[in-house]
PDB file of N, CA and C in Angstrom:
ATOM      1  N   MET A   1      14.680 -11.215  -3.335  1.00  0.00           N
ATOM      2  CA  MET A   1      14.294 -11.686  -4.612  1.00  0.00           C
ATOM      3  C   MET A   1      13.797 -11.178  -5.492  1.00  0.00           C
ATOM      4  N   LEU A   2      13.718 -11.075  -6.757  1.00  0.00           N
ATOM      5  CA  LEU A   2      13.184 -10.050  -8.287  1.00  0.00           C
ATOM      6  C   LEU A   2      12.238 -11.017  -8.550  1.00  0.00           C
ATOM      7  N   ILE A   3      11.089 -10.180  -8.203  1.00  0.00           N
ATOM      8  CA  ILE A   3       9.586 -10.985  -9.132  1.00  0.00           C
ATOM      9  C   ILE A   3       9.511  -9.723 -10.474  1.00  0.00           C
ATOM     10  N   GLN A   4       9.141 -10.458 -11.630  1.00  0.00           N
ATOM     11  CA  GLN A   4       9.292  -9.552 -12.993  1.00  0.00           C
ATOM     12  C   GLN A   4       7.765  -9.062 -12.736  1.00  0.00           C
ATOM     13  N   ALA A   5       7.608  -7.664 -13.035  1.00  0.00           N
ATOM     14  CA  ALA A   5       6.687  -6.941 -12.566  1.00  0.00           C
ATOM     15  C   ALA A   5       5.496  -6.851 -14.122  1.00  0.00           C
ATOM     16  N   GLY A   6       5.561  -7.943 -14.803  1.00  0.00           N
ATOM     17  CA  GLY A   6       4.745  -7.763 -16.022  1.00  0.00           C
ATOM     18  C   GLY A   6       3.501  -8.096 -15.414  1.00  0.00           C
ATOM     19  N   GLU A   7       3.328  -9.086 -14.785  1.00  0.00           N
ATOM     20  CA  GLU A   7       1.519  -9.875 -14.237  1.00  0.00           C
ATOM     21  C   GLU A   7       1.723  -9.223 -12.701  1.00  0.00           C
ATOM     22  N   GLY A   8       0.310  -8.282 -12.686  1.00  0.00           N
ATOM     23  CA  GLY A   8       0.199  -7.677 -11.770  1.00  0.00           C
ATOM     24  C   GLY A   8       0.340  -8.484 -10.126  1.00  0.00           C
ATOM     25  N   LEU A   9       0.130  -7.485  -9.189  1.00  0.00           N
ATOM     26  CA  LEU A   9       0.123  -8.647  -8.187  1.00  0.00           C
ATOM     27  C   LEU A   9      -1.269  -8.321  -7.781  1.00  0.00           C
ATOM     28  N   ARG A  10      -2.159  -9.274  -6.877  1.00  0.00           N
ATOM     29  CA  ARG A  10      -3.511  -9.320  -6.237  1.00  0.00           C
ATOM     30  C   ARG A  10      -3.587 -10.123  -4.825  1.00  0.00           C
ATOM     31  N   PHE A  11      -4.794  -9.693  -4.420  1.00  0.00           N
ATOM     32  CA  PHE A  11      -4.911 -10.030  -3.355  1.00  0.00           C
ATOM     33  C   PHE A  11      -5.110 -11.334  -2.887  1.00  0.00           C
ATOM     34  N   SER A  12      -4.690 -12.278  -1.799  1.00  0.00           N
ATOM     35  CA  SER A  12      -5.252 -13.167  -1.787  1.00  0.00           C
ATOM     36  C   SER A  12      -6.693 -13.928  -1.571  1.00  0.00           C
ATOM     37  N   GLU A  13      -7.155 -14.501  -2.175  1.00  0.00           N
ATOM     38  CA  GLU A  13      -8.541 -14.641  -1.613  1.00  0.00           C
ATOM     39  C   GLU A  13      -8.879 -14.948  -0.488  1.00  0.00           C
ATOM     40  N   GLY A  14      -9.639 -13.927   0.243  1.00  0.00           N
ATOM     41  CA  GLY A  14      -9.669 -13.683   1.908  1.00  0.00           C
ATOM     42  C   GLY A  14      -9.048 -13.489   2.933  1.00  0.00           C
ATOM     43  N   ASP A  15      -8.069 -12.576   2.030  1.00  0.00           N
ATOM     44  CA  ASP A  15      -7.005 -12.416   3.113  1.00  0.00           C
ATOM     45  C   ASP A  15      -6.241 -11.113   2.076  1.00  0.00           C
ATOM     46  N   SER A  16      -6.623  -9.831   2.961  1.00  0.00           N
ATOM     47  CA  SER A  16      -6.141  -8.737   2.346  1.00  0.00           C
ATOM     48  C   SER A  16      -5.001  -8.172   3.191  1.00  0.00           C
ATOM     49  N   GLN A  17      -4.344  -8.939   3.684  1.00  0.00           N
ATOM     50  CA  GLN A  17      -2.936  -8.591   4.187  1.00  0.00           C
ATOM     51  C   GLN A  17      -1.807  -8.910   3.626  1.00  0.00           C
ATOM     52  N   THR A  18      -2.386 -10.438   2.646  1.00  0.00           N
ATOM     53  CA  THR A  18      -1.457 -10.750   1.541  1.00  0.00           C
ATOM     54  C   THR A  18      -1.387 -10.999   0.164  1.00  0.00           C
ATOM     55  N   LEU A  19      -0.402 -10.061  -0.614  1.00  0.00           N
ATOM     56  CA  LEU A  19      -0.650 -10.282  -1.889  1.00  0.00           C
ATOM     57  C   LEU A  19       0.592 -11.249  -2.291  1.00  0.00           C
ATOM     58  N   LEU A  20      -0.716 -11.669  -3.991  1.00  0.00           N
ATOM     59  CA  LEU A  20       0.012 -12.988  -4.355  1.00  0.00           C
ATOM     60  C   LEU A  20       0.663 -12.437  -6.302  1.00  0.00           C
ATOM     61  N   TYR A  21       1.219 -13.243  -6.737  1.00  0.00           N
ATOM     62  CA  TYR A  21       1.982 -13.220  -7.805  1.00  0.00           C
ATOM     63  C   TYR A  21       1.942 -14.713  -8.473  1.00  0.00           C
ATOM     64  N   GLY A  22       1.418 -14.841  -9.408  1.00  0.00           N
ATOM     65  CA  GLY A  22       1.245 -15.683  -9.921  1.00  0.00           C
ATOM     66  C   GLY A  22       2.222 -16.119 -10.995  1.00  0.00           C
ATOM     67  N   ASN A  23       2.962 -17.389 -11.064  1.00  0.00           N
ATOM     68  CA  ASN A  23       3.797 -17.568 -12.473  1.00  0.00           C
ATOM     69  C   ASN A  23       4.022 -18.654 -12.457  1.00  0.00           C
ATOM     70  N   GLY A  24       3.465 -19.352 -13.826  1.00  0.00           N
ATOM     71  CA  GLY A  24       3.871 -20.636 -13.968  1.00  0.00           C
ATOM     72  C   GLY A  24       2.870 -21.470 -12.403  1.00  0.00           C
ATOM     73  N   ARG A  25       3.728 -22.743 -12.300  1.00  0.00           N
ATOM     74  CA  ARG A  25       3.903 -23.273 -11.188  1.00  0.00           C
ATOM     75  C   ARG A  25       3.442 -22.989  -9.500  1.00  0.00           C
ATOM     76  N   THR A  26       4.697 -21.682  -9.951  1.00  0.00           N
ATOM     77  CA  THR A  26       4.847 -21.347  -8.136  1.00  0.00           C
ATOM     78  C   THR A  26       4.343 -19.707  -8.354  1.00  0.00           C
ATOM     79  N   VAL A  27       3.804 -19.633  -7.300  1.00  0.00           N
ATOM     80  CA  VAL A  27       3.072 -18.633  -6.393  1.00  0.00           C
ATOM     81  C   VAL A  27       3.697 -18.070  -5.579  1.00  0.00           C
ATOM     82  N   TRP A  28       4.247 -16.150  -5.969  1.00  0.00           N
ATOM     83  CA  TRP A  28       4.897 -15.935  -4.482  1.00  0.00           C
ATOM     84  C   TRP A  28       3.584 -15.290  -3.584  1.00  0.00           C
ATOM     85  N   ALA A  29       4.000 -15.097  -2.575  1.00  0.00           N
ATOM     86  CA  ALA A  29       2.944 -14.337  -1.569  1.00  0.00           C
ATOM     87  C   ALA A  29       4.368 -13.550  -0.775  1.00  0.00           C
ATOM     88  N   ASN A  30       3.421 -11.928  -0.585  1.00  0.00           N
ATOM     89  CA  ASN A  30       4.258 -10.954   0.594  1.00  0.00           C
ATOM     90  C   ASN A  30       2.954 -10.188   1.352  1.00  0.00           C
ATOM     91  N   ASP A  31       3.728 -10.888   2.696  1.00  0.00           N
ATOM     92  CA  ASP A  31       2.883 -10.571   3.697  1.00  0.00           C
ATOM     93  C   ASP A  31       2.895  -9.029   4.082  1.00  0.00           C
ATOM     94  N   LEU A  32       1.740  -8.639   4.124  1.00  0.00           N
ATOM     95  CA  LEU A  32       1.889  -6.777   4.047  1.00  0.00           C
ATOM     96  C   LEU A  32       2.025  -6.507   5.525  1.00  0.00           C
ATOM     97  N   GLY A  33       1.644  -7.449   6.559  1.00  0.00           N
ATOM     98  CA  GLY A  33       1.626  -7.338   7.395  1.00  0.00           C
ATOM     99  C   GLY A  33       0.457  -6.601   8.590  1.00  0.00           C
ATOM    100  N   PRO A  34       0.360  -6.513   9.888  1.00  0.00           N
ATOM    101  CA  PRO A  34      -1.209  -5.396  10.347  1.00  0.00           C
ATOM    102  C   PRO A  34      -0.536  -4.282  10.180  1.00  0.00           C
ATOM    103  N   HIS A  35       0.064  -3.460   9.797  1.00  0.00           N
ATOM    104  CA  HIS A  35       0.172  -2.027   9.714  1.00  0.00           C
ATOM    105  C   HIS A  35      -0.284  -1.246   8.709  1.00  0.00           C
ATOM    106  N   CYS A  36      -0.594  -2.286   7.452  1.00  0.00           N
ATOM    107  CA  CYS A  36      -1.067  -2.155   6.512  1.00  0.00           C
ATOM    108  C   CYS A  36      -2.586  -2.141   6.163  1.00  0.00           C
ATOM    109  N   THR A  37      -3.268  -1.507   6.005  1.00  0.00           N
ATOM    110  CA  THR A  37      -4.678  -1.750   6.135  1.00  0.00           C
ATOM    111  C   THR A  37      -5.263  -1.409   4.637  1.00  0.00           C
ATOM    112  N   ILE A  38      -5.583  -2.220   3.513  1.00  0.00           N
ATOM    113  CA  ILE A  38      -5.559  -1.631   2.019  1.00  0.00           C
ATOM    114  C   ILE A  38      -6.676  -2.745   2.272  1.00  0.00           C
ATOM    115  N   SER A  39      -8.140  -2.083   1.727  1.00  0.00           N
ATOM    116  CA  SER A  39      -9.129  -3.102   1.415  1.00  0.00           C
ATOM    117  C   SER A  39      -8.925  -4.083   0.332  1.00  0.00           C
ATOM    118  N   PRO A  40      -9.884  -5.601   0.517  1.00  0.00           N
ATOM    119  CA  PRO A  40      -9.623  -5.506  -0.511  1.00  0.00           C
ATOM    120  C   PRO A  40     -10.562  -5.412  -1.811  1.00  0.00           C
ATOM    121  N   ASN A  41     -11.686  -4.504  -1.612  1.00  0.00           N
ATOM    122  CA  ASN A  41     -12.333  -3.693  -2.683  1.00  0.00           C
ATOM    123  C   ASN A  41     -11.853  -2.507  -3.179  1.00  0.00           C
ATOM    124  N   ASP A  42     -10.338  -2.164  -2.659  1.00  0.00           N
ATOM    125  CA  ASP A  42      -9.581  -1.049  -3.570  1.00  0.00           C
ATOM    126  C   ASP A  42      -8.904  -1.355  -4.538  1.00  0.00           C
ATOM    127  N   ILE A  43      -8.771  -0.063  -5.326  1.00  0.00           N
ATOM    128  CA  ILE A  43      -7.855  -0.640  -6.658  1.00  0.00           C
ATOM    129  C   ILE A  43      -6.309  -0.979  -5.839  1.00  0.00           C
ATOM    130  N   LEU A  44      -5.542  -1.941  -6.484  1.00  0.00           N
ATOM    131  CA  LEU A  44      -4.322  -1.719  -6.198  1.00  0.00           C
ATOM    132  C   LEU A  44      -3.601  -1.055  -7.189  1.00  0.00           C
ATOM    133  N   ILE A  45      -2.451  -0.291  -6.614  1.00  0.00           N
ATOM    134  CA  ILE A  45      -1.508   0.522  -7.624  1.00  0.00           C
ATOM    135  C   ILE A  45      -0.185   0.046  -7.174  1.00  0.00           C
ATOM    136  N   ASN A  46       0.300  -0.597  -8.147  1.00  0.00           N
ATOM    137  CA  ASN A  46       1.973  -1.390  -8.122  1.00  0.00           C
ATOM    138  C   ASN A  46       2.749  -0.165  -8.275  1.00  0.00           C
ATOM    139  N   GLU A  47       3.736   0.586  -7.806  1.00  0.00           N
ATOM    140  CA  GLU A  47       4.789   0.926  -8.365  1.00  0.00           C
ATOM    141  C   GLU A  47       6.182   0.566  -8.581  1.00  0.00           C
ATOM    142  N   PRO A  48       6.303  -0.528  -9.063  1.00  0.00           N
ATOM    143  CA  PRO A  48       7.763  -1.090  -8.667  1.00  0.00           C
ATOM    144  C   PRO A  48       8.945  -0.148  -9.668  1.00  0.00           C
ATOM    145  N   LEU A  49      10.172  -0.112  -8.945  1.00  0.00           N
ATOM    146  CA  LEU A  49      11.030   0.970  -9.494  1.00  0.00           C
ATOM    147  C   LEU A  49      11.457   0.558 -10.366  1.00  0.00           C
ATOM    148  N   ALA A  50      11.378  -0.723 -11.144  1.00  0.00           N
ATOM    149  CA  ALA A  50      12.252  -1.135 -11.761  1.00  0.00           C
ATOM    150  C   ALA A  50      11.386  -2.521 -12.904  1.00  0.00           C
ATOM    151  N   PRO A  51      11.825  -3.507 -13.739  1.00  0.00           N
ATOM    152  CA  PRO A  51      11.186  -4.353 -14.032  1.00  0.00           C
ATOM    153  C   PRO A  51      10.704  -5.488 -13.429  1.00  0.00           C
ATOM    154  N   TYR A  52      10.912  -5.123 -12.234  1.00  0.00           N
ATOM    155  CA  TYR A  52      10.661  -6.392 -10.950  1.00  0.00           C
ATOM    156  C   TYR A  52      10.149  -5.988 -10.013  1.00  0.00           C
ATOM    157  N   TYR A  53       9.543  -6.659  -8.926  1.00  0.00           N
ATOM    158  CA  TYR A  53       8.415  -6.114  -7.882  1.00  0.00           C
ATOM    159  C   TYR A  53      10.127  -6.595  -7.264  1.00  0.00           C
ATOM    160  N   CYS A  54      10.151  -5.797  -5.975  1.00  0.00           N
ATOM    161  CA  CYS A  54      11.255  -6.406  -4.675  1.00  0.00           C
ATOM    162  C   CYS A  54      10.803  -5.852  -3.541  1.00  0.00           C
ATOM    163  N   ARG A  55      11.584  -6.044  -2.305  1.00  0.00           N
ATOM    164  CA  ARG A  55      11.575  -5.830  -1.081  1.00  0.00           C
ATOM    165  C   ARG A  55      11.739  -3.952  -1.372  1.00  0.00           C
ATOM    166  N   GLY A  56      10.490  -4.038  -0.335  1.00  0.00           N
ATOM    167  CA  GLY A  56      10.945  -2.396  -0.562  1.00  0.00           C
ATOM    168  C   GLY A  56      10.538  -1.471  -1.688  1.00  0.00           C
ATOM    169  N   ASP A  57       9.770  -2.238  -2.485  1.00  0.00           N
ATOM    170  CA  ASP A  57       8.350  -1.462  -3.249  1.00  0.00           C
ATOM    171  C   ASP A  57       7.507  -1.179  -2.708  1.00  0.00           C
ATOM    172  N   LEU A  58       6.264   0.143  -3.390  1.00  0.00           N
ATOM    173  CA  LEU A  58       5.163   0.663  -2.324  1.00  0.00           C
ATOM    174  C   LEU A  58       4.283  -0.089  -3.663  1.00  0.00           C
ATOM    175  N   VAL A  59       3.349  -0.517  -2.917  1.00  0.00           N
ATOM    176  CA  VAL A  59       2.408  -0.837  -3.417  1.00  0.00           C
ATOM    177  C   VAL A  59       1.136   0.309  -2.831  1.00  0.00           C
ATOM    178  N   ARG A  60      -0.206   1.117  -3.237  1.00  0.00           N
ATOM    179  CA  ARG A  60      -1.106   2.224  -2.959  1.00  0.00           C
ATOM    180  C   ARG A  60      -2.239   0.947  -3.235  1.00  0.00           C
ATOM    181  N   SER A  61      -3.357   1.983  -2.599  1.00  0.00           N
ATOM    182  CA  SER A  61      -4.885   1.814  -3.273  1.00  0.00           C
ATOM    183  C   SER A  61      -5.523   3.167  -3.277  1.00  0.00           C
ATOM    184  N   LEU A  62      -6.667   2.473  -4.014  1.00  0.00           N
ATOM    185  CA  LEU A  62      -7.433   3.735  -4.466  1.00  0.00           C
ATOM    186  C   LEU A  62      -8.870   2.981  -4.184  1.00  0.00           C
ATOM    187  N   ASP A  63      -9.895   3.839  -3.474  1.00  0.00           N
ATOM    188  CA  ASP A  63     -11.150   3.492  -3.206  1.00  0.00           C
ATOM    189  C   ASP A  63     -11.388   3.276  -4.684  1.00  0.00           C
ATOM    190  N   HIS A  64     -11.957   2.601  -5.034  1.00  0.00           N
ATOM    191  CA  HIS A  64     -12.969   2.197  -6.251  1.00  0.00           C
ATOM    192  C   HIS A  64     -14.121   2.936  -6.519  1.00  0.00           C
ATOM    193  N   ILE A  65     -14.722   3.736  -5.348  1.00  0.00           N
ATOM    194  CA  ILE A  65     -15.830   4.351  -5.790  1.00  0.00           C
ATOM    195  C   ILE A  65     -15.673   5.838  -5.668  1.00  0.00           C
ATOM    196  N   SER A  66     -14.820   6.171  -4.629  1.00  0.00           N
ATOM    197  CA  SER A  66     -14.485   7.786  -4.546  1.00  0.00           C
ATOM    198  C   SER A  66     -13.451   8.056  -5.214  1.00  0.00           C
ATOM    199  N   LYS A  67     -12.393   7.020  -5.447  1.00  0.00           N
ATOM    200  CA  LYS A  67     -10.981   7.763  -6.128  1.00  0.00           C
ATOM    201  C   LYS A  67     -10.509   8.513  -5.212  1.00  0.00           C
ATOM    202  N   ILE A  68     -10.839   8.415  -3.392  1.00  0.00           N
ATOM    203  CA  ILE A  68      -9.692   8.712  -2.886  1.00  0.00           C
ATOM    204  C   ILE A  68      -8.689   7.994  -2.740  1.00  0.00           C
ATOM    205  N   PRO A  69      -7.384   8.619  -2.143  1.00  0.00           N
ATOM    206  CA  PRO A  69      -6.117   7.570  -2.300  1.00  0.00           C
ATOM    207  C   PRO A  69      -6.261   7.122  -0.783  1.00  0.00           C
ATOM    208  N   GLY A  70      -5.406   5.709  -0.583  1.00  0.00           N
ATOM    209  CA  GLY A  70      -5.558   5.038   0.540  1.00  0.00           C
ATOM    210  C   GLY A  70      -3.795   5.156   1.151  1.00  0.00           C
ATOM    211  N   PRO A  71      -4.015   3.769   1.702  1.00  0.00           N
ATOM    212  CA  PRO A  71      -2.331   3.801   2.444  1.00  0.00           C
ATOM    213  C   PRO A  71      -1.057   3.461   1.313  1.00  0.00           C
ATOM    214  N   ALA A  72      -0.068   3.655   1.352  1.00  0.00           N
ATOM    215  CA  ALA A  72       1.041   3.194   0.923  1.00  0.00           C
ATOM    216  C   ALA A  72       1.394   2.194   1.524  1.00  0.00           C
ATOM    217  N   CYS A  73       2.046   1.099   1.335  1.00  0.00           N
ATOM    218  CA  CYS A  73       2.484   0.094   2.206  1.00  0.00           C
ATOM    219  C   CYS A  73       3.999  -0.382   1.288  1.00  0.00           C
ATOM    220  N   VAL A  74       4.931  -0.852   1.765  1.00  0.00           N
ATOM    221  CA  VAL A  74       6.321  -1.404   1.531  1.00  0.00           C
ATOM    222  C   VAL A  74       6.013  -2.663   1.524  1.00  0.00           C
ATOM    223  N   LEU A  75       6.575  -3.579   0.332  1.00  0.00           N
ATOM    224  CA  LEU A  75       6.258  -4.888   0.071  1.00  0.00           C
ATOM    225  C   LEU A  75       7.562  -5.108   1.182  1.00  0.00           C
ATOM    226  N   GLY A  76       7.463  -6.564   1.246  1.00  0.00           N
ATOM    227  CA  GLY A  76       8.373  -7.478   2.081  1.00  0.00           C
ATOM    228  C   GLY A  76       8.934  -8.275   1.610  1.00  0.00           C
ATOM    229  N   ASP A  77       9.123  -9.551   1.909  1.00  0.00           N
ATOM    230  CA  ASP A  77       9.907 -10.542   1.177  1.00  0.00           C
ATOM    231  C   ASP A  77       8.626 -11.485   0.087  1.00  0.00           C
ATOM    232  N   PHE A  78       9.328 -12.175  -0.619  1.00  0.00           N
ATOM    233  CA  PHE A  78       8.545 -12.887  -1.169  1.00  0.00           C
ATOM    234  C   PHE A  78       8.420 -13.996  -1.179  1.00  0.00           C
ATOM    235  N   VAL A  79       7.533 -14.393  -0.320  1.00  0.00           N
ATOM    236  CA  VAL A  79       7.763 -16.552  -0.139  1.00  0.00           C
ATOM    237  C   VAL A  79       7.379 -16.959  -1.293  1.00  0.00           C
ATOM    238  N   PRO A  80       7.951 -17.975  -1.836  1.00  0.00           N
ATOM    239  CA  PRO A  80       7.591 -19.001  -3.029  1.00  0.00           C
ATOM    240  C   PRO A  80       6.502 -20.264  -2.560  1.00  0.00           C
ATOM    241  N   TYR A  81       5.431 -20.524  -2.888  1.00  0.00           N
ATOM    242  CA  TYR A  81       4.625 -21.710  -3.054  1.00  0.00           C
ATOM    243  C   TYR A  81       4.761 -22.432  -4.046  1.00  0.00           C
ATOM    244  N   ARG A  82       4.500 -23.406  -4.528  1.00  0.00           N
ATOM    245  CA  ARG A  82       4.406 -24.458  -5.561  1.00  0.00           C
ATOM    246  C   ARG A  82       2.988 -24.889  -5.579  1.00  0.00           C
ATOM    247  N   ARG A  83       2.280 -24.914  -6.709  1.00  0.00           N
ATOM    248  CA  ARG A  83       0.639 -25.146  -6.820  1.00  0.00           C
ATOM    249  C   ARG A  83       0.788 -27.003  -6.878  1.00  0.00           C
TER     250      ARG A  83
END
């Protein structure tokens, strides 16, 4: 599934393991899994390889105070949810 990269990914409220992409009435969720520990207070850096997000793209984090890079995580499948 390809998700247009024009709008940024964001953390799900209260769940730092799930990234959301909202587009109209459909919200796409991507579960990073327990192996990826990005803090919801970190700056999220998206690195799509094309104008779309897709499985296998990297997201990285950057500590918002110290600017120290955090982990890089690989995106999994995007699951659509209707609002």
